[in-house]
Protein backbone atom coordinates (compact mmCIF):
# COMPACT_ATOMS: atom_id res chain seq x y z
CA MET A 1 2.70 2.10 -1.46
CA THR A 2 5.90 0.15 -1.87
CA ASN A 3 6.97 -0.87 -5.36
CA ARG A 4 9.27 -3.52 -6.75
CA PRO A 5 12.39 -2.08 -8.45
CA ASP A 6 11.10 -2.56 -12.03
CA PHE A 7 7.66 -0.98 -11.56
CA ALA A 8 6.81 2.64 -12.35
CA TRP A 9 3.85 4.20 -14.15
CA GLN A 10 2.81 0.86 -15.70
CA SER A 11 2.67 -0.58 -12.20
CA LEU A 12 0.42 2.23 -11.04
CA GLN A 13 -1.96 1.58 -13.93
CA ALA A 14 -2.02 -2.16 -13.20
CA LEU A 15 -2.65 -1.45 -9.54
CA ALA A 16 -5.48 0.95 -10.36
CA LEU A 17 -7.13 -1.63 -12.59
CA LEU A 18 -6.82 -4.24 -9.86
CA PHE A 19 -8.37 -1.92 -7.30
CA VAL A 20 -11.29 -1.20 -9.60
CA ALA A 21 -11.76 -4.92 -10.13
CA LEU A 22 -11.81 -5.41 -6.36
CA GLY A 23 -14.10 -2.47 -5.82
CA VAL A 24 -11.34 -0.55 -4.06
CA ALA A 25 -11.15 3.14 -4.86
CA ALA A 26 -7.93 4.80 -5.88
CA GLY A 27 -10.04 7.93 -5.79
CA PRO A 28 -13.66 8.82 -6.63
CA ALA A 29 -13.26 7.47 -10.17
CA ALA A 30 -13.84 3.96 -8.85
CA ALA A 31 -16.94 4.98 -6.92
CA TRP A 32 -19.13 3.89 -9.84
CA ALA A 33 -18.19 0.29 -9.17
CA GLU A 34 -20.10 -1.91 -6.76
CA ASP A 35 -18.33 -1.96 -3.42
CA PHE A 36 -17.39 -5.61 -3.59
CA LEU A 37 -14.68 -5.42 -0.93
CA GLY A 38 -16.01 -5.38 2.61
CA ALA A 39 -14.29 -4.99 5.96
CA GLY A 40 -13.24 -8.03 7.93
CA ALA A 41 -11.82 -11.44 7.15
CA GLY A 42 -13.16 -13.73 4.49
CA GLN A 43 -14.67 -11.02 2.35
CA SER A 44 -15.37 -11.79 -1.27
CA VAL A 45 -14.45 -10.41 -4.66
CA GLY A 46 -14.95 -11.41 -8.27
CA PRO A 47 -18.72 -10.90 -8.66
CA ALA A 48 -20.51 -12.86 -11.36
CA ARG A 49 -24.02 -11.89 -12.39
CA LYS A 50 -26.39 -14.77 -11.75
CA THR A 51 -30.00 -15.41 -12.66
CA GLY A 52 -32.26 -12.95 -10.90
CA VAL A 53 -31.13 -10.10 -8.67
CA GLY A 54 -27.72 -9.60 -7.16
CA PHE A 55 -24.31 -11.12 -7.51
CA GLU A 56 -22.65 -14.41 -6.78
CA PHE A 57 -19.31 -13.90 -5.03
CA ARG A 58 -16.67 -16.41 -5.99
CA ARG A 59 -13.27 -15.56 -4.48
CA LYS A 60 -12.34 -15.20 -0.84
CA LEU A 61 -9.88 -12.62 0.40
CA ALA A 62 -7.60 -13.65 3.25
CA SER A 63 -6.88 -11.06 5.91
CA ILE A 64 -4.30 -10.90 8.69
CA ASP A 65 -4.00 -9.11 11.99
CA ASN A 66 -1.80 -6.08 11.47
CA PRO A 67 0.25 -5.50 14.65
CA TYR A 68 0.79 -1.81 13.87
CA CYS A 69 -2.76 -0.56 13.34
CA ALA A 70 -6.37 -1.75 13.37
CA ILE A 71 -6.82 -1.21 9.62
CA VAL A 72 -8.13 -4.23 7.71
CA THR A 73 -5.15 -5.84 5.97
CA TYR A 74 -5.65 -8.24 3.07
CA VAL A 75 -3.15 -10.70 1.60
CA LEU A 76 -3.30 -11.18 -2.17
CA PRO A 77 -1.29 -13.62 -4.33
CA ASP A 78 0.73 -12.13 -7.18
CA PHE A 79 -0.03 -8.57 -6.08
CA PRO A 80 1.64 -6.08 -8.48
CA GLU A 81 3.09 -4.14 -5.52
CA GLN A 82 4.78 -5.36 -2.37
CA ALA A 83 2.17 -3.51 -0.33
CA SER A 84 -0.30 -0.65 -0.70
CA SER A 85 -2.74 1.45 1.31
CA VAL A 86 -6.04 2.60 -0.20
CA ASN A 87 -9.53 3.79 0.66
CA THR A 88 -12.56 1.84 -0.52
CA ALA A 89 -15.33 3.44 -2.54
CA ASP A 90 -17.26 4.07 0.69
CA ASP A 91 -14.19 5.61 2.37
CA ARG A 92 -12.98 2.69 4.47
CA SER A 93 -9.25 2.24 5.04
CA VAL A 94 -7.64 -0.89 3.61
CA ILE A 95 -4.09 -2.24 3.39
CA VAL A 96 -3.05 -4.92 0.89
CA ILE A 97 0.19 -6.90 1.02
CA ASP A 98 1.63 -9.42 -1.42
CA ALA A 99 1.43 -13.01 -0.17
CA SER A 100 4.88 -14.07 -1.37
CA THR A 101 6.54 -11.05 0.25
CA LEU A 102 4.78 -11.78 3.53
CA LYS A 103 5.90 -15.41 3.42
CA SER A 104 9.49 -14.99 2.27
CA ASP A 105 10.55 -11.77 4.05
CA ARG A 106 8.92 -11.74 7.47
CA ALA A 107 11.05 -8.96 8.99
CA TYR A 108 10.77 -6.75 5.90
CA SER A 109 7.03 -7.46 5.78
CA HIS A 110 6.73 -5.96 9.26
CA PHE A 111 8.31 -2.77 7.95
CA LEU A 112 5.88 -2.77 5.02
CA LEU A 113 2.87 -3.27 7.29
CA ALA A 114 3.99 -0.43 9.55
CA HIS A 115 4.77 1.79 6.54
CA GLU A 116 1.29 1.31 5.06
CA CYS A 117 -0.34 1.93 8.45
CA CYS A 118 1.55 5.21 8.54
CA HIS A 119 0.22 6.25 5.12
CA HIS A 120 -3.26 6.02 6.65
CA THR A 121 -2.51 7.56 10.05
CA LEU A 122 -0.57 10.45 8.48
CA GLY A 123 -3.49 11.19 6.16
CA HIS A 124 -1.61 10.41 2.94
CA THR A 125 -4.17 7.98 1.57
CA ARG A 126 -7.08 10.32 2.13
CA LEU A 127 -5.15 13.24 0.66
CA THR A 128 -4.19 11.39 -2.50
CA SER A 129 -7.74 10.12 -2.94
CA GLN A 130 -9.08 13.67 -2.67
CA ARG A 131 -6.40 15.17 -4.89
CA SER A 132 -6.42 12.52 -7.61
CA GLY A 133 -10.13 12.64 -8.36
CA GLY A 134 -9.64 9.58 -10.54
CA VAL A 135 -7.12 7.33 -12.18
CA GLY A 136 -5.01 8.56 -15.07
CA PRO A 137 -1.96 10.60 -16.06
CA GLN A 138 -3.51 14.06 -15.65
CA PRO A 139 -4.78 13.71 -12.04
CA PHE A 140 -1.59 11.86 -11.11
CA TYR A 141 0.48 14.81 -12.33
CA TYR A 142 -0.76 16.92 -9.41
CA LEU A 143 0.35 14.30 -6.90
CA GLN A 144 3.94 14.08 -8.11
CA PRO A 145 5.33 16.83 -5.83
CA LEU A 146 3.78 15.13 -2.80
CA LEU A 147 4.91 11.56 -3.30
CA LYS A 148 8.58 11.86 -2.34
CA ASN A 149 7.94 13.46 1.05
CA MET A 150 5.03 11.10 1.74
CA GLU A 151 7.27 8.08 1.32
CA LEU A 152 10.01 9.53 3.50
CA ASP A 153 7.49 10.50 6.20
CA ALA A 154 5.87 7.06 6.14
CA ASP A 155 9.29 5.41 6.39
CA ALA A 156 10.23 7.54 9.40
CA CYS A 157 6.88 6.83 11.05
CA ALA A 158 7.32 3.08 10.44
CA ILE A 159 10.80 3.12 11.97
CA ARG A 160 9.42 4.81 15.10
CA MET A 161 6.82 2.04 15.37
CA LEU A 162 9.44 -0.67 14.92
CA LYS A 163 11.62 0.90 17.61
CA LEU A 164 8.68 0.83 20.01
CA THR A 165 8.02 -2.83 19.23
CA LYS A 166 11.77 -3.58 19.52
CA GLU A 167 12.27 -4.96 16.02
CA PRO A 168 15.78 -3.93 14.96
CA ASP A 169 15.85 -6.73 12.39
CA ALA A 170 12.87 -5.20 10.57
CA ILE A 171 14.59 -1.80 10.56
CA GLU A 172 17.79 -3.30 9.18
CA TRP A 173 15.93 -5.24 6.49
CA ALA A 174 14.14 -2.06 5.46
CA ARG A 175 17.47 -0.27 5.06
CA THR A 176 18.98 -3.21 3.17
CA LYS A 177 16.03 -3.54 0.81
CA MET A 178 16.09 0.15 -0.01
CA LEU A 179 19.81 0.02 -0.77
CA GLU A 180 19.06 -2.63 -3.40
CA PHE A 181 17.50 0.16 -5.47
CA GLY A 182 20.69 2.21 -5.21
CA ASN A 183 20.26 5.55 -6.98
CA LEU A 184 17.12 4.36 -8.76
CA GLN A 185 13.73 5.61 -7.63
CA THR A 186 11.79 3.14 -5.52
CA GLY A 187 8.62 3.90 -7.45
CA ALA A 188 7.12 6.45 -9.78
CA TYR A 189 8.28 9.88 -8.49
CA TYR A 190 9.43 8.28 -5.22
CA PRO A 191 12.78 8.90 -3.48
CA THR A 192 15.76 6.81 -4.53
CA GLY A 193 16.77 3.76 -2.58
CA VAL A 194 19.80 5.60 -1.21
CA GLN A 195 17.63 8.50 -0.03
CA ARG A 196 15.20 6.19 1.72
CA ALA A 197 17.98 4.12 3.32
CA GLY A 198 19.59 7.29 4.69
CA ASN A 199 16.24 8.45 6.02
CA ILE A 200 15.75 5.10 7.74
CA VAL A 201 19.17 5.32 9.38
CA ARG A 202 18.49 8.87 10.62
CA SER A 203 15.05 7.93 11.93
CA ALA A 204 16.45 4.90 13.78
CA ALA A 205 19.12 7.07 15.41
CA GLN A 206 16.62 9.56 16.83
CA GLU A 207 15.62 9.24 20.45
């Protein structure tokens, strides 16, 4: 998950509520909800009960091809995070990215897409889903010690991907964007911007 500079715990709560609304699980707590979000392009959300049995689906989700992994990647307008990786209620992997970020910062968006792929491939998303057991302050407390290293590991993994795809501009934009945070944390219990920028530089320098 990659946060905007002014988001912390309130952002996590907003994100959790959004995932529940979409039928996306931030852990088993959302499993009670209908699994409204399906794999593949053009899937629908926003169910409205209609006369008789079943639901009428009203909104369409746009998806894009993610060049860094085969995980279904959705684009949402006004997403409260720049990007995030989650598991659905039936344990399918999903990535979500903010539409405005994707449009305005193409190179940085490539870093975000690779970063979220890495959260899945490194097992972070599954681990946090298993450990959280739900959405709320108490379960989240047990994840705090893990979050800093997870972000640094996902950054390093993303930089390795971007080196393989020969995208130095995406690597540089990632470093620049992290430096905008300075000594502030890049999210709730995440590393600071300076720490992440240094990690990006070290990862890019490795053979």
